[in-house]
Amino acid sequence: RAKFLLESVTDLRSTLQIHGSNLIIRQCQPLEAVTKLTELLKPVAPV
């Protein structure tokens, strides 16, 4: 399932790129990722 998941995430990133976006990847718990991204975006485009 880990291999299948990696393939799925890779495919999603490619699809989002086709649609003008991308997929941000983090190896941590969601709260940690959201906290850091929110802080990073405050000066330019706040969450």
ModelCIF file with pLDDT and N, C-alpha, C, O atoms, coordinates in Angstrom:
data_MODEL
#
_entry.id   MODEL 
#
_entity.id                         1 
_entity.type                       polymer 
_entity.pdbx_number_of_molecules   1 
#
_entity_poly.entity_id                      1 
_entity_poly.type                           'polypeptide(L)' 
_entity_poly.nstd_linkage                   no 
_entity_poly.nstd_monomer                   no 
_entity_poly.pdbx_seq_one_letter_code       RAKFLLESVTDLRSTLQIHGSNLIIRQCQPLEAVTKLTELLKPVAPV 
_entity_poly.pdbx_seq_one_letter_code_can   RAKFLLESVTDLRSTLQIHGSNLIIRQCQPLEAVTKLTELLKPVAPV 
_entity_poly.pdbx_strand_id                 A 
#
loop_
_entity_poly_seq.entity_id 
_entity_poly_seq.num 
_entity_poly_seq.mon_id 
_entity_poly_seq.hetero 
1 1  ARG n 
1 2  ALA n 
1 3  LYS n 
1 4  PHE n 
1 5  LEU n 
1 6  LEU n 
1 7  GLU n 
1 8  SER n 
1 9  VAL n 
1 10 THR n 
1 11 ASP n 
1 12 LEU n 
1 13 ARG n 
1 14 SER n 
1 15 THR n 
1 16 LEU n 
1 17 GLN n 
1 18 ILE n 
1 19 HIS n 
1 20 GLY n 
1 21 SER n 
1 22 ASN n 
1 23 LEU n 
1 24 ILE n 
1 25 ILE n 
1 26 ARG n 
1 27 GLN n 
1 28 CYS n 
1 29 GLN n 
1 30 PRO n 
1 31 LEU n 
1 32 GLU n 
1 33 ALA n 
1 34 VAL n 
1 35 THR n 
1 36 LYS n 
1 37 LEU n 
1 38 THR n 
1 39 GLU n 
1 40 LEU n 
1 41 LEU n 
1 42 LYS n 
1 43 PRO n 
1 44 VAL n 
1 45 ALA n 
1 46 PRO n 
1 47 VAL n 
#
_struct_asym.id          A 
_struct_asym.entity_id   1 
#
loop_
_ma_qa_metric.id 
_ma_qa_metric.mode 
_ma_qa_metric.name 
_ma_qa_metric.software_group_id 
_ma_qa_metric.type 
1 global pLDDT . pLDDT 
2 local  pLDDT . pLDDT 
#
_ma_qa_metric_global.metric_id      1 
_ma_qa_metric_global.metric_value   97.34 
_ma_qa_metric_global.model_id       1 
_ma_qa_metric_global.ordinal_id     1 
#
loop_
_ma_qa_metric_local.label_asym_id 
_ma_qa_metric_local.label_comp_id 
_ma_qa_metric_local.label_seq_id 
_ma_qa_metric_local.metric_id 
_ma_qa_metric_local.metric_value 
_ma_qa_metric_local.model_id 
_ma_qa_metric_local.ordinal_id 
A ARG 1  2 97.00 1 1  
A ALA 2  2 97.00 1 2  
A LYS 3  2 97.00 1 3  
A PHE 4  2 98.00 1 4  
A LEU 5  2 98.00 1 5  
A LEU 6  2 98.00 1 6  
A GLU 7  2 98.00 1 7  
A SER 8  2 98.00 1 8  
A VAL 9  2 98.00 1 9  
A THR 10 2 98.00 1 10 
A ASP 11 2 98.00 1 11 
A LEU 12 2 98.00 1 12 
A ARG 13 2 98.00 1 13 
A SER 14 2 98.00 1 14 
A THR 15 2 98.00 1 15 
A LEU 16 2 98.00 1 16 
A GLN 17 2 98.00 1 17 
A ILE 18 2 98.00 1 18 
A HIS 19 2 98.00 1 19 
A GLY 20 2 98.00 1 20 
A SER 21 2 98.00 1 21 
A ASN 22 2 98.00 1 22 
A LEU 23 2 98.00 1 23 
A ILE 24 2 98.00 1 24 
A ILE 25 2 98.00 1 25 
A ARG 26 2 98.00 1 26 
A GLN 27 2 97.00 1 27 
A CYS 28 2 98.00 1 28 
A GLN 29 2 98.00 1 29 
A PRO 30 2 98.00 1 30 
A LEU 31 2 98.00 1 31 
A GLU 32 2 98.00 1 32 
A ALA 33 2 98.00 1 33 
A VAL 34 2 98.00 1 34 
A THR 35 2 98.00 1 35 
A LYS 36 2 97.00 1 36 
A LEU 37 2 97.00 1 37 
A THR 38 2 97.00 1 38 
A GLU 39 2 96.00 1 39 
A LEU 40 2 95.00 1 40 
A LEU 41 2 96.00 1 41 
A LYS 42 2 95.00 1 42 
A PRO 43 2 92.00 1 43 
A VAL 44 2 93.00 1 44 
A ALA 45 2 96.00 1 45 
A PRO 46 2 97.00 1 46 
A VAL 47 2 98.00 1 47 
#
loop_
_atom_site.group_PDB 
_atom_site.id 
_atom_site.type_symbol 
_atom_site.label_atom_id 
_atom_site.label_alt_id 
_atom_site.label_comp_id 
_atom_site.label_asym_id 
_atom_site.label_entity_id 
_atom_site.label_seq_id 
_atom_site.pdbx_PDB_ins_code 
_atom_site.Cartn_x 
_atom_site.Cartn_y 
_atom_site.Cartn_z 
_atom_site.occupancy 
_atom_site.B_iso_or_equiv 
_atom_site.pdbx_formal_charge 
_atom_site.auth_seq_id 
_atom_site.auth_comp_id 
_atom_site.auth_asym_id 
_atom_site.auth_atom_id 
_atom_site.pdbx_PDB_model_num 
ATOM 1   N N  . ARG A 1 1  ? 0.830  -1.204 0.000   1.00 97.00 ? 1  ARG A N  1 
ATOM 2   C CA . ARG A 1 1  ? 0.000  0.000  0.000   1.00 97.00 ? 1  ARG A CA 1 
ATOM 3   C C  . ARG A 1 1  ? 0.868  1.257  0.000   1.00 97.00 ? 1  ARG A C  1 
ATOM 4   O O  . ARG A 1 1  ? 0.490  2.277  -0.577  1.00 97.00 ? 1  ARG A O  1 
ATOM 5   N N  . ALA A 1 2  ? 2.033  1.181  0.650   1.00 97.00 ? 2  ALA A N  1 
ATOM 6   C CA . ALA A 1 2  ? 2.935  2.337  0.636   1.00 97.00 ? 2  ALA A CA 1 
ATOM 7   C C  . ALA A 1 2  ? 3.384  2.646  -0.796  1.00 97.00 ? 2  ALA A C  1 
ATOM 8   O O  . ALA A 1 2  ? 3.415  3.809  -1.200  1.00 97.00 ? 2  ALA A O  1 
ATOM 9   N N  . LYS A 1 3  ? 3.725  1.629  -1.546  1.00 97.00 ? 3  LYS A N  1 
ATOM 10  C CA . LYS A 1 3  ? 4.135  1.823  -2.945  1.00 97.00 ? 3  LYS A CA 1 
ATOM 11  C C  . LYS A 1 3  ? 2.976  2.395  -3.765  1.00 97.00 ? 3  LYS A C  1 
ATOM 12  O O  . LYS A 1 3  ? 3.162  3.317  -4.560  1.00 97.00 ? 3  LYS A O  1 
ATOM 13  N N  . PHE A 1 4  ? 1.791  1.842  -3.565  1.00 98.00 ? 4  PHE A N  1 
ATOM 14  C CA . PHE A 1 4  ? 0.612  2.307  -4.280  1.00 98.00 ? 4  PHE A CA 1 
ATOM 15  C C  . PHE A 1 4  ? 0.317  3.766  -3.938  1.00 98.00 ? 4  PHE A C  1 
ATOM 16  O O  . PHE A 1 4  ? -0.072 4.547  -4.807  1.00 98.00 ? 4  PHE A O  1 
ATOM 17  N N  . LEU A 1 5  ? 0.502  4.126  -2.682  1.00 98.00 ? 5  LEU A N  1 
ATOM 18  C CA . LEU A 1 5  ? 0.281  5.503  -2.243  1.00 98.00 ? 5  LEU A CA 1 
ATOM 19  C C  . LEU A 1 5  ? 1.288  6.451  -2.885  1.00 98.00 ? 5  LEU A C  1 
ATOM 20  O O  . LEU A 1 5  ? 0.918  7.529  -3.352  1.00 98.00 ? 5  LEU A O  1 
ATOM 21  N N  . LEU A 1 6  ? 2.554  6.056  -2.910  1.00 98.00 ? 6  LEU A N  1 
ATOM 22  C CA . LEU A 1 6  ? 3.573  6.894  -3.528  1.00 98.00 ? 6  LEU A CA 1 
ATOM 23  C C  . LEU A 1 6  ? 3.258  7.140  -5.002  1.00 98.00 ? 6  LEU A C  1 
ATOM 24  O O  . LEU A 1 6  ? 3.419  8.254  -5.502  1.00 98.00 ? 6  LEU A O  1 
ATOM 25  N N  . GLU A 1 7  ? 2.812  6.098  -5.686  1.00 98.00 ? 7  GLU A N  1 
ATOM 26  C CA . GLU A 1 7  ? 2.428  6.239  -7.093  1.00 98.00 ? 7  GLU A CA 1 
ATOM 27  C C  . GLU A 1 7  ? 1.237  7.189  -7.238  1.00 98.00 ? 7  GLU A C  1 
ATOM 28  O O  . GLU A 1 7  ? 1.169  7.978  -8.181  1.00 98.00 ? 7  GLU A O  1 
ATOM 29  N N  . SER A 1 8  ? 0.303  7.101  -6.292  1.00 98.00 ? 8  SER A N  1 
ATOM 30  C CA . SER A 1 8  ? -0.889 7.948  -6.340  1.00 98.00 ? 8  SER A CA 1 
ATOM 31  C C  . SER A 1 8  ? -0.542 9.413  -6.107  1.00 98.00 ? 8  SER A C  1 
ATOM 32  O O  . SER A 1 8  ? -1.063 10.293 -6.792  1.00 98.00 ? 8  SER A O  1 
ATOM 33  N N  . VAL A 1 9  ? 0.335  9.677  -5.145  1.00 98.00 ? 9  VAL A N  1 
ATOM 34  C CA . VAL A 1 9  ? 0.747  11.049 -4.854  1.00 98.00 ? 9  VAL A CA 1 
ATOM 35  C C  . VAL A 1 9  ? 1.549  11.618 -6.025  1.00 98.00 ? 9  VAL A C  1 
ATOM 36  O O  . VAL A 1 9  ? 1.375  12.780 -6.393  1.00 98.00 ? 9  VAL A O  1 
ATOM 37  N N  . THR A 1 10 ? 2.415  10.812 -6.599  1.00 98.00 ? 10 THR A N  1 
ATOM 38  C CA . THR A 1 10 ? 3.195  11.246 -7.759  1.00 98.00 ? 10 THR A CA 1 
ATOM 39  C C  . THR A 1 10 ? 2.277  11.613 -8.923  1.00 98.00 ? 10 THR A C  1 
ATOM 40  O O  . THR A 1 10 ? 2.478  12.626 -9.593  1.00 98.00 ? 10 THR A O  1 
ATOM 41  N N  . ASP A 1 11 ? 1.271  10.775 -9.150  1.00 98.00 ? 11 ASP A N  1 
ATOM 42  C CA . ASP A 1 11 ? 0.321  11.034 -10.230 1.00 98.00 ? 11 ASP A CA 1 
ATOM 43  C C  . ASP A 1 11 ? -0.482 12.308 -9.964  1.00 98.00 ? 11 ASP A C  1 
ATOM 44  O O  . ASP A 1 11 ? -0.743 13.085 -10.884 1.00 98.00 ? 11 ASP A O  1 
ATOM 45  N N  . LEU A 1 12 ? -0.869 12.518 -8.721  1.00 98.00 ? 12 LEU A N  1 
ATOM 46  C CA . LEU A 1 12 ? -1.638 13.719 -8.384  1.00 98.00 ? 12 LEU A CA 1 
ATOM 47  C C  . LEU A 1 12 ? -0.804 14.976 -8.617  1.00 98.00 ? 12 LEU A C  1 
ATOM 48  O O  . LEU A 1 12 ? -1.309 15.969 -9.140  1.00 98.00 ? 12 LEU A O  1 
ATOM 49  N N  . ARG A 1 13 ? 0.455  14.935 -8.235  1.00 98.00 ? 13 ARG A N  1 
ATOM 50  C CA . ARG A 1 13 ? 1.313  16.092 -8.466  1.00 98.00 ? 13 ARG A CA 1 
ATOM 51  C C  . ARG A 1 13 ? 1.386  16.410 -9.964  1.00 98.00 ? 13 ARG A C  1 
ATOM 52  O O  . ARG A 1 13 ? 1.305  17.573 -10.361 1.00 98.00 ? 13 ARG A O  1 
ATOM 53  N N  . SER A 1 14 ? 1.539  15.376 -10.786 1.00 98.00 ? 14 SER A N  1 
ATOM 54  C CA . SER A 1 14 ? 1.607  15.587 -12.238 1.00 98.00 ? 14 SER A CA 1 
ATOM 55  C C  . SER A 1 14 ? 0.305  16.176 -12.768 1.00 98.00 ? 14 SER A C  1 
ATOM 56  O O  . SER A 1 14 ? 0.319  17.069 -13.616 1.00 98.00 ? 14 SER A O  1 
ATOM 57  N N  . THR A 1 15 ? -0.816 15.673 -12.263 1.00 98.00 ? 15 THR A N  1 
ATOM 58  C CA . THR A 1 15 ? -2.117 16.174 -12.711 1.00 98.00 ? 15 THR A CA 1 
ATOM 59  C C  . THR A 1 15 ? -2.316 17.628 -12.316 1.00 98.00 ? 15 THR A C  1 
ATOM 60  O O  . THR A 1 15 ? -2.800 18.430 -13.115 1.00 98.00 ? 15 THR A O  1 
ATOM 61  N N  . LEU A 1 16 ? -1.947 17.971 -11.091 1.00 98.00 ? 16 LEU A N  1 
ATOM 62  C CA . LEU A 1 16 ? -2.080 19.359 -10.653 1.00 98.00 ? 16 LEU A CA 1 
ATOM 63  C C  . LEU A 1 16 ? -1.196 20.286 -11.487 1.00 98.00 ? 16 LEU A C  1 
ATOM 64  O O  . LEU A 1 16 ? -1.584 21.420 -11.770 1.00 98.00 ? 16 LEU A O  1 
ATOM 65  N N  . GLN A 1 17 ? -0.024 19.818 -11.879 1.00 98.00 ? 17 GLN A N  1 
ATOM 66  C CA . GLN A 1 17 ? 0.848  20.628 -12.725 1.00 98.00 ? 17 GLN A CA 1 
ATOM 67  C C  . GLN A 1 17 ? 0.190  20.901 -14.084 1.00 98.00 ? 17 GLN A C  1 
ATOM 68  O O  . GLN A 1 17 ? 0.304  21.996 -14.635 1.00 98.00 ? 17 GLN A O  1 
ATOM 69  N N  . ILE A 1 18 ? -0.495 19.892 -14.606 1.00 98.00 ? 18 ILE A N  1 
ATOM 70  C CA . ILE A 1 18 ? -1.211 20.068 -15.874 1.00 98.00 ? 18 ILE A CA 1 
ATOM 71  C C  . ILE A 1 18 ? -2.282 21.141 -15.745 1.00 98.00 ? 18 ILE A C  1 
ATOM 72  O O  . ILE A 1 18 ? -2.579 21.857 -16.701 1.00 98.00 ? 18 ILE A O  1 
ATOM 73  N N  . HIS A 1 19 ? -2.858 21.243 -14.549 1.00 98.00 ? 19 HIS A N  1 
ATOM 74  C CA . HIS A 1 19 ? -3.938 22.206 -14.308 1.00 98.00 ? 19 HIS A CA 1 
ATOM 75  C C  . HIS A 1 19 ? -3.428 23.503 -13.673 1.00 98.00 ? 19 HIS A C  1 
ATOM 76  O O  . HIS A 1 19 ? -4.181 24.216 -13.009 1.00 98.00 ? 19 HIS A O  1 
ATOM 77  N N  . GLY A 1 20 ? -2.157 23.796 -13.881 1.00 98.00 ? 20 GLY A N  1 
ATOM 78  C CA . GLY A 1 20 ? -1.613 25.086 -13.477 1.00 98.00 ? 20 GLY A CA 1 
ATOM 79  C C  . GLY A 1 20 ? -1.258 25.223 -12.013 1.00 98.00 ? 20 GLY A C  1 
ATOM 80  O O  . GLY A 1 20 ? -1.082 26.339 -11.523 1.00 98.00 ? 20 GLY A O  1 
ATOM 81  N N  . SER A 1 21 ? -1.150 24.117 -11.307 1.00 98.00 ? 21 SER A N  1 
ATOM 82  C CA . SER A 1 21 ? -0.860 24.161 -9.876  1.00 98.00 ? 21 SER A CA 1 
ATOM 83  C C  . SER A 1 21 ? 0.279  23.191 -9.576  1.00 98.00 ? 21 SER A C  1 
ATOM 84  O O  . SER A 1 21 ? 1.076  22.858 -10.453 1.00 98.00 ? 21 SER A O  1 
ATOM 85  N N  . ASN A 1 22 ? 0.340  22.752 -8.341  1.00 98.00 ? 22 ASN A N  1 
ATOM 86  C CA . ASN A 1 22 ? 1.347  21.769 -7.934  1.00 98.00 ? 22 ASN A CA 1 
ATOM 87  C C  . ASN A 1 22 ? 0.915  21.211 -6.587  1.00 98.00 ? 22 ASN A C  1 
ATOM 88  O O  . ASN A 1 22 ? -0.048 21.693 -5.990  1.00 98.00 ? 22 ASN A O  1 
ATOM 89  N N  . LEU A 1 23 ? 1.615  20.208 -6.115  1.00 98.00 ? 23 LEU A N  1 
ATOM 90  C CA . LEU A 1 23 ? 1.304  19.598 -4.828  1.00 98.00 ? 23 LEU A CA 1 
ATOM 91  C C  . LEU A 1 23 ? 2.470  19.827 -3.883  1.00 98.00 ? 23 LEU A C  1 
ATOM 92  O O  . LEU A 1 23 ? 3.599  19.423 -4.160  1.00 98.00 ? 23 LEU A O  1 
ATOM 93  N N  . ILE A 1 24 ? 2.185  20.482 -2.760  1.00 98.00 ? 24 ILE A N  1 
ATOM 94  C CA . ILE A 1 24 ? 3.196  20.683 -1.725  1.00 98.00 ? 24 ILE A CA 1 
ATOM 95  C C  . ILE A 1 24 ? 3.287  19.396 -0.896  1.00 98.00 ? 24 ILE A C  1 
ATOM 96  O O  . ILE A 1 24 ? 2.273  18.866 -0.442  1.00 98.00 ? 24 ILE A O  1 
ATOM 97  N N  . ILE A 1 25 ? 4.499  18.911 -0.709  1.00 98.00 ? 25 ILE A N  1 
ATOM 98  C CA . ILE A 1 25 ? 4.725  17.658 0.020   1.00 98.00 ? 25 ILE A CA 1 
ATOM 99  C C  . ILE A 1 25 ? 5.477  17.956 1.311   1.00 98.00 ? 25 ILE A C  1 
ATOM 100 O O  . ILE A 1 25 ? 6.457  18.701 1.321   1.00 98.00 ? 25 ILE A O  1 
ATOM 101 N N  . ARG A 1 26 ? 5.003  17.365 2.389   1.00 98.00 ? 26 ARG A N  1 
ATOM 102 C CA . ARG A 1 26 ? 5.711  17.454 3.651   1.00 98.00 ? 26 ARG A CA 1 
ATOM 103 C C  . ARG A 1 26 ? 5.728  16.087 4.336   1.00 98.00 ? 26 ARG A C  1 
ATOM 104 O O  . ARG A 1 26 ? 4.769  15.321 4.237   1.00 98.00 ? 26 ARG A O  1 
ATOM 105 N N  . GLN A 1 27 ? 6.822  15.795 5.026   1.00 97.00 ? 27 GLN A N  1 
ATOM 106 C CA . GLN A 1 27 ? 6.919  14.549 5.789   1.00 97.00 ? 27 GLN A CA 1 
ATOM 107 C C  . GLN A 1 27 ? 6.829  14.885 7.268   1.00 97.00 ? 27 GLN A C  1 
ATOM 108 O O  . GLN A 1 27 ? 7.829  14.900 7.985   1.00 97.00 ? 27 GLN A O  1 
ATOM 109 N N  . CYS A 1 28 ? 5.614  15.151 7.699   1.00 98.00 ? 28 CYS A N  1 
ATOM 110 C CA . CYS A 1 28 ? 5.338  15.487 9.088   1.00 98.00 ? 28 CYS A CA 1 
ATOM 111 C C  . CYS A 1 28 ? 3.833  15.406 9.297   1.00 98.00 ? 28 CYS A C  1 
ATOM 112 O O  . CYS A 1 28 ? 3.076  15.167 8.356   1.00 98.00 ? 28 CYS A O  1 
ATOM 113 N N  . GLN A 1 29 ? 3.413  15.604 10.523  1.00 98.00 ? 29 GLN A N  1 
ATOM 114 C CA . GLN A 1 29 ? 1.982  15.619 10.791  1.00 98.00 ? 29 GLN A CA 1 
ATOM 115 C C  . GLN A 1 29 ? 1.349  16.863 10.175  1.00 98.00 ? 29 GLN A C  1 
ATOM 116 O O  . GLN A 1 29 ? 2.000  17.904 10.082  1.00 98.00 ? 29 GLN A O  1 
ATOM 117 N N  . PRO A 1 30 ? 0.080  16.767 9.751   1.00 98.00 ? 30 PRO A N  1 
ATOM 118 C CA . PRO A 1 30 ? -0.564 17.901 9.088   1.00 98.00 ? 30 PRO A CA 1 
ATOM 119 C C  . PRO A 1 30 ? -0.525 19.200 9.889   1.00 98.00 ? 30 PRO A C  1 
ATOM 120 O O  . PRO A 1 30 ? -0.320 20.267 9.310   1.00 98.00 ? 30 PRO A O  1 
ATOM 121 N N  . LEU A 1 31 ? -0.715 19.135 11.198  1.00 98.00 ? 31 LEU A N  1 
ATOM 122 C CA . LEU A 1 31 ? -0.722 20.358 12.002  1.00 98.00 ? 31 LEU A CA 1 
ATOM 123 C C  . LEU A 1 31 ? 0.616  21.093 11.890  1.00 98.00 ? 31 LEU A C  1 
ATOM 124 O O  . LEU A 1 31 ? 0.646  22.317 11.760  1.00 98.00 ? 31 LEU A O  1 
ATOM 125 N N  . GLU A 1 32 ? 1.704  20.356 11.941  1.00 98.00 ? 32 GLU A N  1 
ATOM 126 C CA . GLU A 1 32 ? 3.027  20.972 11.834  1.00 98.00 ? 32 GLU A CA 1 
ATOM 127 C C  . GLU A 1 32 ? 3.198  21.644 10.470  1.00 98.00 ? 32 GLU A C  1 
ATOM 128 O O  . GLU A 1 32 ? 3.699  22.766 10.383  1.00 98.00 ? 32 GLU A O  1 
ATOM 129 N N  . ALA A 1 33 ? 2.782  20.955 9.414   1.00 98.00 ? 33 ALA A N  1 
ATOM 130 C CA . ALA A 1 33 ? 2.921  21.521 8.066   1.00 98.00 ? 33 ALA A CA 1 
ATOM 131 C C  . ALA A 1 33 ? 2.072  22.775 7.900   1.00 98.00 ? 33 ALA A C  1 
ATOM 132 O O  . ALA A 1 33 ? 2.536  23.783 7.366   1.00 98.00 ? 33 ALA A O  1 
ATOM 133 N N  . VAL A 1 34 ? 0.827  22.707 8.360   1.00 98.00 ? 34 VAL A N  1 
ATOM 134 C CA . VAL A 1 34 ? -0.083 23.848 8.230   1.00 98.00 ? 34 VAL A CA 1 
ATOM 135 C C  . VAL A 1 34 ? 0.434  25.044 9.042   1.00 98.00 ? 34 VAL A C  1 
ATOM 136 O O  . VAL A 1 34 ? 0.384  26.182 8.575   1.00 98.00 ? 34 VAL A O  1 
ATOM 137 N N  . THR A 1 35 ? 0.925  24.784 10.241  1.00 98.00 ? 35 THR A N  1 
ATOM 138 C CA . THR A 1 35 ? 1.445  25.859 11.095  1.00 98.00 ? 35 THR A CA 1 
ATOM 139 C C  . THR A 1 35 ? 2.596  26.594 10.409  1.00 98.00 ? 35 THR A C  1 
ATOM 140 O O  . THR A 1 35 ? 2.620  27.825 10.370  1.00 98.00 ? 35 THR A O  1 
ATOM 141 N N  . LYS A 1 36 ? 3.541  25.839 9.874   1.00 97.00 ? 36 LYS A N  1 
ATOM 142 C CA . LYS A 1 36 ? 4.709  26.447 9.246   1.00 97.00 ? 36 LYS A CA 1 
ATOM 143 C C  . LYS A 1 36 ? 4.339  27.190 7.959   1.00 97.00 ? 36 LYS A C  1 
ATOM 144 O O  . LYS A 1 36 ? 4.846  28.282 7.701   1.00 97.00 ? 36 LYS A O  1 
ATOM 145 N N  . LEU A 1 37 ? 3.474  26.607 7.174   1.00 97.00 ? 37 LEU A N  1 
ATOM 146 C CA . LEU A 1 37 ? 3.066  27.251 5.921   1.00 97.00 ? 37 LEU A CA 1 
ATOM 147 C C  . LEU A 1 37 ? 2.284  28.538 6.188   1.00 97.00 ? 37 LEU A C  1 
ATOM 148 O O  . LEU A 1 37 ? 2.454  29.533 5.485   1.00 97.00 ? 37 LEU A O  1 
ATOM 149 N N  . THR A 1 38 ? 1.442  28.509 7.192   1.00 97.00 ? 38 THR A N  1 
ATOM 150 C CA . THR A 1 38 ? 0.667  29.700 7.552   1.00 97.00 ? 38 THR A CA 1 
ATOM 151 C C  . THR A 1 38 ? 1.580  30.849 7.959   1.00 97.00 ? 38 THR A C  1 
ATOM 152 O O  . THR A 1 38 ? 1.367  31.995 7.564   1.00 97.00 ? 38 THR A O  1 
ATOM 153 N N  . GLU A 1 39 ? 2.593  30.531 8.748   1.00 96.00 ? 39 GLU A N  1 
ATOM 154 C CA . GLU A 1 39 ? 3.549  31.545 9.185   1.00 96.00 ? 39 GLU A CA 1 
ATOM 155 C C  . GLU A 1 39 ? 4.333  32.084 7.996   1.00 96.00 ? 39 GLU A C  1 
ATOM 156 O O  . GLU A 1 39 ? 4.575  33.287 7.895   1.00 96.00 ? 39 GLU A O  1 
ATOM 157 N N  . LEU A 1 40 ? 4.726  31.188 7.098   1.00 95.00 ? 40 LEU A N  1 
ATOM 158 C CA . LEU A 1 40 ? 5.513  31.576 5.931   1.00 95.00 ? 40 LEU A CA 1 
ATOM 159 C C  . LEU A 1 40 ? 4.747  32.501 4.994   1.00 95.00 ? 40 LEU A C  1 
ATOM 160 O O  . LEU A 1 40 ? 5.328  33.387 4.366   1.00 95.00 ? 40 LEU A O  1 
ATOM 161 N N  . LEU A 1 41 ? 3.424  32.284 4.905   1.00 96.00 ? 41 LEU A N  1 
ATOM 162 C CA . LEU A 1 41 ? 2.607  33.030 3.946   1.00 96.00 ? 41 LEU A CA 1 
ATOM 163 C C  . LEU A 1 41 ? 2.078  34.361 4.482   1.00 96.00 ? 41 LEU A C  1 
ATOM 164 O O  . LEU A 1 41 ? 1.555  35.166 3.712   1.00 96.00 ? 41 LEU A O  1 
ATOM 165 N N  . LYS A 1 42 ? 2.202  34.601 5.769   1.00 95.00 ? 42 LYS A N  1 
ATOM 166 C CA . LYS A 1 42 ? 1.642  35.823 6.367   1.00 95.00 ? 42 LYS A CA 1 
ATOM 167 C C  . LYS A 1 42 ? 2.036  37.104 5.643   1.00 95.00 ? 42 LYS A C  1 
ATOM 168 O O  . LYS A 1 42 ? 1.169  37.942 5.392   1.00 95.00 ? 42 LYS A O  1 
ATOM 169 N N  . PRO A 1 43 ? 3.297  37.290 5.301   1.00 92.00 ? 43 PRO A N  1 
ATOM 170 C CA . PRO A 1 43 ? 3.679  38.582 4.701   1.00 92.00 ? 43 PRO A CA 1 
ATOM 171 C C  . PRO A 1 43 ? 3.214  38.773 3.271   1.00 92.00 ? 43 PRO A C  1 
ATOM 172 O O  . PRO A 1 43 ? 3.151  39.908 2.799   1.00 92.00 ? 43 PRO A O  1 
ATOM 173 N N  . VAL A 1 44 ? 2.882  37.691 2.560   1.00 93.00 ? 44 VAL A N  1 
ATOM 174 C CA . VAL A 1 44 ? 2.622  37.836 1.121   1.00 93.00 ? 44 VAL A CA 1 
ATOM 175 C C  . VAL A 1 44 ? 1.185  37.538 0.711   1.00 93.00 ? 44 VAL A C  1 
ATOM 176 O O  . VAL A 1 44 ? 0.583  38.289 -0.056  1.00 93.00 ? 44 VAL A O  1 
ATOM 177 N N  . ALA A 1 45 ? 0.649  36.461 1.215   1.00 96.00 ? 45 ALA A N  1 
ATOM 178 C CA . ALA A 1 45 ? -0.724 36.067 0.864   1.00 96.00 ? 45 ALA A CA 1 
ATOM 179 C C  . ALA A 1 45 ? -1.269 35.220 2.003   1.00 96.00 ? 45 ALA A C  1 
ATOM 180 O O  . ALA A 1 45 ? -1.254 33.991 1.928   1.00 96.00 ? 45 ALA A O  1 
ATOM 181 N N  . PRO A 1 46 ? -1.748 35.869 3.053   1.00 97.00 ? 46 PRO A N  1 
ATOM 182 C CA . PRO A 1 46 ? -2.116 35.151 4.278   1.00 97.00 ? 46 PRO A CA 1 
ATOM 183 C C  . PRO A 1 46 ? -3.161 34.069 4.053   1.00 97.00 ? 46 PRO A C  1 
ATOM 184 O O  . PRO A 1 46 ? -4.052 34.184 3.211   1.00 97.00 ? 46 PRO A O  1 
ATOM 185 N N  . VAL A 1 47 ? -3.013 33.016 4.842   1.00 98.00 ? 47 VAL A N  1 
ATOM 186 C CA . VAL A 1 47 ? -3.972 31.911 4.800   1.00 98.00 ? 47 VAL A CA 1 
ATOM 187 C C  . VAL A 1 47 ? -5.242 32.348 5.510   1.00 98.00 ? 47 VAL A C  1 
ATOM 188 O O  . VAL A 1 47 ? -6.196 31.575 5.599   1.00 98.00 ? 47 VAL A O  1 
#
